[in-house]
Amino acid sequence: MTTTINPYLIFNGNCEDAFNFYKSVFGGEFEYIGRFKDMPQEEGCNEMPENYANKIMHVCFHIGKETYLMGSDNNPEFGEVTFGQNMNISIVTDTKTEADRLFTGLSDEATITMPMKDMFWGDYFGMLTDKFGVMWMISYRKPQ
C-alpha cells in the first residue's frame, strides 16, 4: 500500500460550489457526496441546524491516480472557517499542457500570484489563489 497525502478543504457553506468548480477543472465524477441531513443523529450530539441539512458533510473525487481532493462544509458549532496563508495545494503534472490546462481552469476569478513560467530550479511553475480562497501551486517537472 502506498501512502498518499490528500488535501481536505473545509468551507463556510459553499463547499458544493467549490467542488463543482474543481470538478470542472480536473474532470471526473464525485466518488462520494454526503449531506449533513444524511448523517445519523448520535446520542449526546447537538442536532445540526436546519439550514445546514443540504450542506456538504463529505465529498471526494480523484484528481490523479492515487490522490483525492476531499472536503466539507464546516460544522457551525466550531465557528467560521478562517482562510489564511497556511496551506497550498501543490499539483505536479506529467505534461506542460496539463499544467497549463489546470492553471487556466483554476484562474477563473482567481488572483494570480505567479503566472506559469520556467523557473530557475527547472520546473515549469505557477501559483494562484482561486475564487474560493484556496491557494494552488501547479508545476510540471521537466525530464532531466
N, C-alpha and C. Protein backbone atom coordinates (compact mmCIF):
# COMPACT_ATOMS: atom_id res chain seq x y z
N MET A 1 0.85 -1.19 0.00
CA MET A 1 0.00 0.00 0.00
C MET A 1 0.89 1.24 0.00
N THR A 2 0.54 2.20 -0.84
CA THR A 2 1.27 3.44 -0.94
C THR A 2 0.63 4.49 -0.04
N THR A 3 1.44 5.23 0.67
CA THR A 3 0.95 6.33 1.48
C THR A 3 0.73 7.53 0.59
N THR A 4 -0.41 8.19 0.73
CA THR A 4 -0.71 9.37 -0.08
C THR A 4 -1.11 10.51 0.84
N ILE A 5 -0.99 11.71 0.34
CA ILE A 5 -1.47 12.90 1.03
C ILE A 5 -2.64 13.43 0.24
N ASN A 6 -3.77 13.59 0.89
CA ASN A 6 -4.97 14.06 0.22
C ASN A 6 -5.45 15.36 0.86
N PRO A 7 -5.48 16.42 0.10
CA PRO A 7 -5.96 17.69 0.66
C PRO A 7 -7.42 17.58 1.06
N TYR A 8 -7.74 18.12 2.22
CA TYR A 8 -9.11 18.15 2.73
C TYR A 8 -9.44 19.61 3.02
N LEU A 9 -10.40 20.15 2.28
CA LEU A 9 -10.75 21.56 2.36
C LEU A 9 -12.07 21.73 3.10
N ILE A 10 -12.13 22.70 4.00
CA ILE A 10 -13.35 22.97 4.76
C ILE A 10 -13.82 24.38 4.42
N PHE A 11 -15.12 24.50 4.15
CA PHE A 11 -15.70 25.75 3.67
C PHE A 11 -16.80 26.25 4.60
N ASN A 12 -17.13 27.53 4.45
CA ASN A 12 -18.20 28.18 5.23
C ASN A 12 -19.53 28.11 4.48
N GLY A 13 -19.93 26.92 4.07
CA GLY A 13 -21.24 26.77 3.43
C GLY A 13 -21.23 26.76 1.92
N ASN A 14 -20.07 26.94 1.28
CA ASN A 14 -20.04 26.93 -0.19
C ASN A 14 -19.18 25.79 -0.74
N CYS A 15 -19.07 24.70 0.00
CA CYS A 15 -18.29 23.54 -0.42
C CYS A 15 -18.81 22.98 -1.74
N GLU A 16 -20.11 22.87 -1.90
CA GLU A 16 -20.65 22.29 -3.13
C GLU A 16 -20.28 23.14 -4.34
N ASP A 17 -20.38 24.46 -4.23
CA ASP A 17 -19.97 25.35 -5.33
C ASP A 17 -18.50 25.15 -5.65
N ALA A 18 -17.67 25.12 -4.62
CA ALA A 18 -16.22 24.96 -4.81
C ALA A 18 -15.92 23.63 -5.49
N PHE A 19 -16.51 22.55 -5.03
CA PHE A 19 -16.20 21.24 -5.59
C PHE A 19 -16.76 21.05 -6.99
N ASN A 20 -17.89 21.66 -7.30
CA ASN A 20 -18.36 21.62 -8.68
C ASN A 20 -17.39 22.36 -9.59
N PHE A 21 -16.83 23.47 -9.10
CA PHE A 21 -15.82 24.19 -9.86
C PHE A 21 -14.57 23.33 -10.03
N TYR A 22 -14.06 22.74 -8.96
CA TYR A 22 -12.86 21.92 -9.06
C TYR A 22 -13.08 20.72 -9.98
N LYS A 23 -14.27 20.13 -9.92
CA LYS A 23 -14.58 19.00 -10.80
C LYS A 23 -14.56 19.45 -12.27
N SER A 24 -15.01 20.69 -12.53
CA SER A 24 -14.98 21.20 -13.91
C SER A 24 -13.55 21.40 -14.40
N VAL A 25 -12.64 21.67 -13.49
CA VAL A 25 -11.23 21.87 -13.86
C VAL A 25 -10.52 20.52 -14.02
N PHE A 26 -10.65 19.63 -13.03
CA PHE A 26 -9.90 18.38 -13.02
C PHE A 26 -10.58 17.26 -13.78
N GLY A 27 -11.90 17.35 -13.97
CA GLY A 27 -12.64 16.27 -14.61
C GLY A 27 -12.99 15.19 -13.61
N GLY A 28 -13.67 14.17 -14.09
CA GLY A 28 -14.06 13.06 -13.22
C GLY A 28 -15.41 13.28 -12.58
N GLU A 29 -15.74 12.37 -11.71
CA GLU A 29 -17.03 12.40 -11.01
C GLU A 29 -16.79 12.25 -9.52
N PHE A 30 -17.73 12.76 -8.73
CA PHE A 30 -17.64 12.59 -7.29
C PHE A 30 -17.74 11.11 -6.96
N GLU A 31 -16.80 10.64 -6.17
CA GLU A 31 -16.87 9.26 -5.71
C GLU A 31 -17.88 9.15 -4.57
N TYR A 32 -17.98 10.22 -3.80
CA TYR A 32 -18.93 10.26 -2.69
C TYR A 32 -19.31 11.71 -2.46
N ILE A 33 -20.60 11.93 -2.22
CA ILE A 33 -21.06 13.24 -1.76
C ILE A 33 -22.19 12.98 -0.76
N GLY A 34 -21.93 13.37 0.48
CA GLY A 34 -22.91 13.17 1.55
C GLY A 34 -23.28 14.51 2.18
N ARG A 35 -24.50 14.61 2.60
CA ARG A 35 -25.01 15.84 3.19
C ARG A 35 -25.27 15.63 4.68
N PHE A 36 -25.27 16.72 5.42
CA PHE A 36 -25.49 16.62 6.86
C PHE A 36 -26.82 15.96 7.19
N LYS A 37 -27.84 16.14 6.36
CA LYS A 37 -29.15 15.53 6.63
C LYS A 37 -29.10 14.01 6.56
N ASP A 38 -28.05 13.47 5.89
CA ASP A 38 -27.91 12.03 5.75
C ASP A 38 -27.18 11.39 6.93
N MET A 39 -26.63 12.21 7.82
CA MET A 39 -25.89 11.71 8.98
C MET A 39 -26.85 11.20 10.03
N PRO A 40 -26.59 10.02 10.60
CA PRO A 40 -27.45 9.57 11.71
C PRO A 40 -27.20 10.44 12.94
N GLN A 41 -28.24 10.75 13.65
CA GLN A 41 -28.12 11.56 14.87
C GLN A 41 -27.57 10.67 15.98
N GLU A 42 -26.46 11.09 16.56
CA GLU A 42 -25.86 10.32 17.65
C GLU A 42 -26.29 10.89 18.98
N GLU A 43 -26.49 10.01 19.94
CA GLU A 43 -26.90 10.43 21.27
C GLU A 43 -25.81 11.31 21.88
N GLY A 44 -26.23 12.40 22.48
CA GLY A 44 -25.30 13.30 23.13
C GLY A 44 -24.71 14.36 22.21
N CYS A 45 -25.01 14.28 20.92
CA CYS A 45 -24.50 15.27 19.96
C CYS A 45 -25.61 16.27 19.64
N ASN A 46 -25.21 17.51 19.48
CA ASN A 46 -26.18 18.53 19.11
C ASN A 46 -26.69 18.27 17.70
N GLU A 47 -27.96 18.56 17.49
CA GLU A 47 -28.55 18.39 16.16
C GLU A 47 -28.04 19.50 15.24
N MET A 48 -27.77 19.15 14.00
CA MET A 48 -27.30 20.11 13.00
C MET A 48 -28.42 21.11 12.71
N PRO A 49 -28.10 22.40 12.62
CA PRO A 49 -29.13 23.39 12.30
C PRO A 49 -29.82 23.06 10.98
N GLU A 50 -31.11 23.35 10.90
CA GLU A 50 -31.91 23.02 9.73
C GLU A 50 -31.33 23.61 8.44
N ASN A 51 -30.78 24.83 8.53
CA ASN A 51 -30.24 25.46 7.32
C ASN A 51 -28.95 24.78 6.83
N TYR A 52 -28.43 23.81 7.59
CA TYR A 52 -27.25 23.05 7.17
C TYR A 52 -27.60 21.67 6.63
N ALA A 53 -28.87 21.32 6.59
CA ALA A 53 -29.29 19.99 6.17
C ALA A 53 -28.72 19.60 4.81
N ASN A 54 -28.73 20.51 3.85
CA ASN A 54 -28.25 20.20 2.50
C ASN A 54 -26.79 20.58 2.27
N LYS A 55 -26.13 21.06 3.30
CA LYS A 55 -24.70 21.39 3.18
C LYS A 55 -23.90 20.09 3.11
N ILE A 56 -22.68 20.20 2.64
CA ILE A 56 -21.84 19.02 2.41
C ILE A 56 -21.16 18.55 3.69
N MET A 57 -21.44 17.29 4.06
CA MET A 57 -20.79 16.65 5.19
C MET A 57 -19.44 16.07 4.74
N HIS A 58 -19.40 15.51 3.53
CA HIS A 58 -18.16 14.97 2.97
C HIS A 58 -18.34 14.79 1.46
N VAL A 59 -17.28 15.18 0.70
CA VAL A 59 -17.26 14.98 -0.74
C VAL A 59 -15.84 14.61 -1.13
N CYS A 60 -15.69 13.76 -2.15
CA CYS A 60 -14.35 13.43 -2.62
C CYS A 60 -14.40 12.98 -4.08
N PHE A 61 -13.30 13.22 -4.77
CA PHE A 61 -13.11 12.68 -6.11
C PHE A 61 -11.62 12.62 -6.42
N HIS A 62 -11.27 11.73 -7.36
CA HIS A 62 -9.87 11.57 -7.76
C HIS A 62 -9.41 12.76 -8.57
N ILE A 63 -8.19 13.26 -8.28
CA ILE A 63 -7.57 14.26 -9.14
C ILE A 63 -6.26 13.73 -9.70
N GLY A 64 -6.03 12.47 -9.53
CA GLY A 64 -4.84 11.80 -10.04
C GLY A 64 -4.99 10.32 -9.80
N LYS A 65 -3.97 9.56 -10.11
CA LYS A 65 -4.04 8.11 -9.94
C LYS A 65 -4.30 7.70 -8.51
N GLU A 66 -3.65 8.38 -7.56
CA GLU A 66 -3.74 7.97 -6.16
C GLU A 66 -4.19 9.09 -5.23
N THR A 67 -4.54 10.24 -5.78
CA THR A 67 -4.84 11.40 -4.94
C THR A 67 -6.32 11.77 -5.03
N TYR A 68 -6.91 12.01 -3.88
CA TYR A 68 -8.27 12.51 -3.79
C TYR A 68 -8.24 13.97 -3.38
N LEU A 69 -9.19 14.74 -3.85
CA LEU A 69 -9.49 16.04 -3.27
C LEU A 69 -10.75 15.82 -2.45
N MET A 70 -10.69 16.18 -1.16
CA MET A 70 -11.80 15.94 -0.25
C MET A 70 -12.21 17.24 0.43
N GLY A 71 -13.45 17.30 0.89
CA GLY A 71 -13.87 18.50 1.58
C GLY A 71 -15.22 18.36 2.24
N SER A 72 -15.58 19.44 2.95
CA SER A 72 -16.88 19.52 3.62
C SER A 72 -17.16 20.97 3.97
N ASP A 73 -18.39 21.22 4.33
CA ASP A 73 -18.73 22.50 4.94
C ASP A 73 -18.42 22.37 6.43
N ASN A 74 -18.13 23.51 7.04
CA ASN A 74 -17.80 23.49 8.46
C ASN A 74 -19.01 23.10 9.30
N ASN A 75 -18.75 22.60 10.48
CA ASN A 75 -19.80 22.37 11.46
C ASN A 75 -20.00 23.71 12.17
N PRO A 76 -21.20 24.29 12.11
CA PRO A 76 -21.39 25.61 12.72
C PRO A 76 -21.06 25.68 14.20
N GLU A 77 -21.04 24.54 14.89
CA GLU A 77 -20.66 24.53 16.31
C GLU A 77 -19.22 24.98 16.52
N PHE A 78 -18.39 24.82 15.48
CA PHE A 78 -16.98 25.16 15.58
C PHE A 78 -16.67 26.57 15.10
N GLY A 79 -17.68 27.31 14.69
CA GLY A 79 -17.48 28.68 14.23
C GLY A 79 -17.07 28.74 12.76
N GLU A 80 -16.83 29.95 12.29
CA GLU A 80 -16.46 30.17 10.89
C GLU A 80 -15.06 29.67 10.60
N VAL A 81 -14.87 29.18 9.39
CA VAL A 81 -13.55 28.80 8.93
C VAL A 81 -12.81 30.08 8.54
N THR A 82 -11.59 30.22 9.02
CA THR A 82 -10.76 31.37 8.65
C THR A 82 -9.75 30.90 7.61
N PHE A 83 -9.84 31.48 6.42
CA PHE A 83 -8.88 31.13 5.38
C PHE A 83 -7.65 31.99 5.57
N GLY A 84 -6.51 31.35 5.58
CA GLY A 84 -5.26 32.05 5.78
C GLY A 84 -4.22 31.58 4.80
N GLN A 85 -3.03 32.02 5.00
CA GLN A 85 -1.96 31.66 4.10
C GLN A 85 -1.12 30.55 4.71
N ASN A 86 -1.80 29.54 5.22
CA ASN A 86 -1.11 28.45 5.88
C ASN A 86 -1.16 27.15 5.10
N MET A 87 -1.72 27.16 3.89
CA MET A 87 -1.82 25.93 3.13
C MET A 87 -1.89 26.22 1.65
N ASN A 88 -1.16 25.47 0.87
CA ASN A 88 -1.25 25.45 -0.58
C ASN A 88 -1.52 24.02 -1.00
N ILE A 89 -2.17 23.85 -2.10
CA ILE A 89 -2.28 22.53 -2.70
C ILE A 89 -1.32 22.52 -3.87
N SER A 90 -0.36 21.63 -3.82
CA SER A 90 0.67 21.53 -4.85
C SER A 90 0.35 20.34 -5.75
N ILE A 91 0.27 20.59 -7.05
CA ILE A 91 0.00 19.54 -8.02
C ILE A 91 1.14 19.51 -9.02
N VAL A 92 1.71 18.35 -9.22
CA VAL A 92 2.75 18.15 -10.22
C VAL A 92 2.13 17.32 -11.35
N THR A 93 2.21 17.84 -12.58
CA THR A 93 1.59 17.18 -13.73
C THR A 93 2.63 16.42 -14.55
N ASP A 94 2.13 15.58 -15.45
CA ASP A 94 3.00 14.80 -16.33
C ASP A 94 3.42 15.58 -17.58
N THR A 95 2.66 16.66 -17.91
CA THR A 95 2.96 17.42 -19.12
C THR A 95 2.78 18.91 -18.87
N LYS A 96 3.47 19.70 -19.67
CA LYS A 96 3.32 21.15 -19.61
C LYS A 96 1.89 21.53 -20.02
N THR A 97 1.34 20.84 -21.00
CA THR A 97 -0.03 21.11 -21.46
C THR A 97 -1.04 20.93 -20.33
N GLU A 98 -0.88 19.86 -19.54
CA GLU A 98 -1.79 19.61 -18.42
C GLU A 98 -1.62 20.67 -17.34
N ALA A 99 -0.37 21.09 -17.08
CA ALA A 99 -0.14 22.17 -16.10
C ALA A 99 -0.86 23.44 -16.54
N ASP A 100 -0.74 23.79 -17.81
CA ASP A 100 -1.42 24.98 -18.33
C ASP A 100 -2.94 24.84 -18.25
N ARG A 101 -3.46 23.65 -18.56
CA ARG A 101 -4.91 23.44 -18.52
C ARG A 101 -5.45 23.63 -17.11
N LEU A 102 -4.79 23.04 -16.13
CA LEU A 102 -5.25 23.18 -14.74
C LEU A 102 -5.12 24.63 -14.26
N PHE A 103 -4.01 25.26 -14.56
CA PHE A 103 -3.79 26.64 -14.14
C PHE A 103 -4.86 27.55 -14.76
N THR A 104 -5.12 27.38 -16.05
CA THR A 104 -6.14 28.19 -16.73
C THR A 104 -7.52 27.95 -16.12
N GLY A 105 -7.85 26.70 -15.86
CA GLY A 105 -9.15 26.39 -15.27
C GLY A 105 -9.32 27.00 -13.90
N LEU A 106 -8.32 26.88 -13.06
CA LEU A 106 -8.39 27.42 -11.69
C LEU A 106 -8.31 28.94 -11.68
N SER A 107 -7.86 29.56 -12.77
CA SER A 107 -7.68 31.01 -12.84
C SER A 107 -8.98 31.80 -12.92
N ASP A 108 -10.09 31.12 -13.15
CA ASP A 108 -11.38 31.81 -13.24
C ASP A 108 -11.64 32.60 -11.96
N GLU A 109 -11.66 33.91 -12.06
CA GLU A 109 -11.88 34.83 -10.93
C GLU A 109 -10.81 34.70 -9.85
N ALA A 110 -9.63 34.22 -10.22
CA ALA A 110 -8.55 33.98 -9.25
C ALA A 110 -7.61 35.18 -9.17
N THR A 111 -6.79 35.18 -8.12
CA THR A 111 -5.68 36.12 -8.01
C THR A 111 -4.43 35.34 -8.38
N ILE A 112 -3.80 35.76 -9.47
CA ILE A 112 -2.59 35.09 -9.95
C ILE A 112 -1.41 35.62 -9.13
N THR A 113 -0.77 34.74 -8.38
CA THR A 113 0.40 35.11 -7.59
C THR A 113 1.65 35.07 -8.46
N MET A 114 1.74 34.04 -9.29
CA MET A 114 2.88 33.86 -10.18
C MET A 114 2.37 33.14 -11.43
N PRO A 115 2.43 33.79 -12.59
CA PRO A 115 1.98 33.11 -13.81
C PRO A 115 2.86 31.89 -14.10
N MET A 116 2.33 30.96 -14.88
CA MET A 116 3.10 29.79 -15.27
C MET A 116 4.32 30.24 -16.07
N LYS A 117 5.51 29.76 -15.65
CA LYS A 117 6.74 30.08 -16.38
C LYS A 117 7.84 29.11 -15.98
N ASP A 118 8.89 29.07 -16.78
CA ASP A 118 10.05 28.26 -16.47
C ASP A 118 10.78 28.88 -15.28
N MET A 119 11.11 28.05 -14.30
CA MET A 119 11.75 28.54 -13.08
C MET A 119 13.22 28.13 -13.02
N PHE A 120 13.98 28.81 -12.18
CA PHE A 120 15.42 28.57 -12.06
C PHE A 120 15.75 27.17 -11.60
N TRP A 121 14.85 26.50 -10.88
CA TRP A 121 15.15 25.16 -10.40
C TRP A 121 14.79 24.09 -11.43
N GLY A 122 14.24 24.51 -12.58
CA GLY A 122 14.00 23.59 -13.68
C GLY A 122 12.55 23.25 -13.94
N ASP A 123 11.65 23.55 -13.01
CA ASP A 123 10.23 23.26 -13.22
C ASP A 123 9.55 24.39 -14.00
N TYR A 124 8.44 24.04 -14.64
CA TYR A 124 7.51 25.00 -15.20
C TYR A 124 6.46 25.15 -14.11
N PHE A 125 6.25 26.36 -13.59
CA PHE A 125 5.57 26.52 -12.30
C PHE A 125 4.73 27.79 -12.28
N GLY A 126 3.60 27.75 -11.56
CA GLY A 126 2.77 28.93 -11.32
C GLY A 126 1.98 28.79 -10.04
N MET A 127 1.53 29.94 -9.49
CA MET A 127 0.76 29.95 -8.24
C MET A 127 -0.44 30.88 -8.39
N LEU A 128 -1.53 30.52 -7.72
CA LEU A 128 -2.72 31.37 -7.71
C LEU A 128 -3.56 31.08 -6.48
N THR A 129 -4.42 32.03 -6.14
CA THR A 129 -5.44 31.84 -5.12
C THR A 129 -6.78 31.87 -5.83
N ASP A 130 -7.52 30.77 -5.77
CA ASP A 130 -8.76 30.68 -6.55
C ASP A 130 -9.88 31.52 -5.93
N LYS A 131 -11.00 31.54 -6.61
CA LYS A 131 -12.12 32.39 -6.18
C LYS A 131 -12.73 31.97 -4.85
N PHE A 132 -12.31 30.81 -4.31
CA PHE A 132 -12.80 30.36 -3.01
C PHE A 132 -11.77 30.58 -1.91
N GLY A 133 -10.63 31.20 -2.25
CA GLY A 133 -9.60 31.49 -1.26
C GLY A 133 -8.60 30.38 -1.06
N VAL A 134 -8.64 29.34 -1.90
CA VAL A 134 -7.70 28.23 -1.79
C VAL A 134 -6.48 28.53 -2.66
N MET A 135 -5.29 28.31 -2.09
CA MET A 135 -4.04 28.60 -2.79
C MET A 135 -3.50 27.34 -3.45
N TRP A 136 -3.14 27.48 -4.73
CA TRP A 136 -2.68 26.36 -5.55
C TRP A 136 -1.29 26.65 -6.09
N MET A 137 -0.46 25.60 -6.16
CA MET A 137 0.84 25.63 -6.84
C MET A 137 0.80 24.53 -7.90
N ILE A 138 0.99 24.89 -9.15
CA ILE A 138 0.94 23.94 -10.25
C ILE A 138 2.33 23.87 -10.86
N SER A 139 2.83 22.66 -11.07
CA SER A 139 4.14 22.54 -11.70
C SER A 139 4.22 21.33 -12.61
N TYR A 140 5.09 21.48 -13.58
CA TYR A 140 5.47 20.38 -14.46
C TYR A 140 6.98 20.23 -14.31
N ARG A 141 7.41 19.08 -13.86
CA ARG A 141 8.84 18.81 -13.68
C ARG A 141 9.37 18.24 -14.98
N LYS A 142 10.22 19.01 -15.63
CA LYS A 142 10.79 18.61 -16.91
C LYS A 142 11.74 17.43 -16.71
N PRO A 143 11.73 16.47 -17.66
CA PRO A 143 12.67 15.35 -17.56
C PRO A 143 14.11 15.86 -17.60
N GLN A 144 14.96 15.23 -16.83
CA GLN A 144 16.37 15.65 -16.76
C GLN A 144 17.16 15.09 -17.90
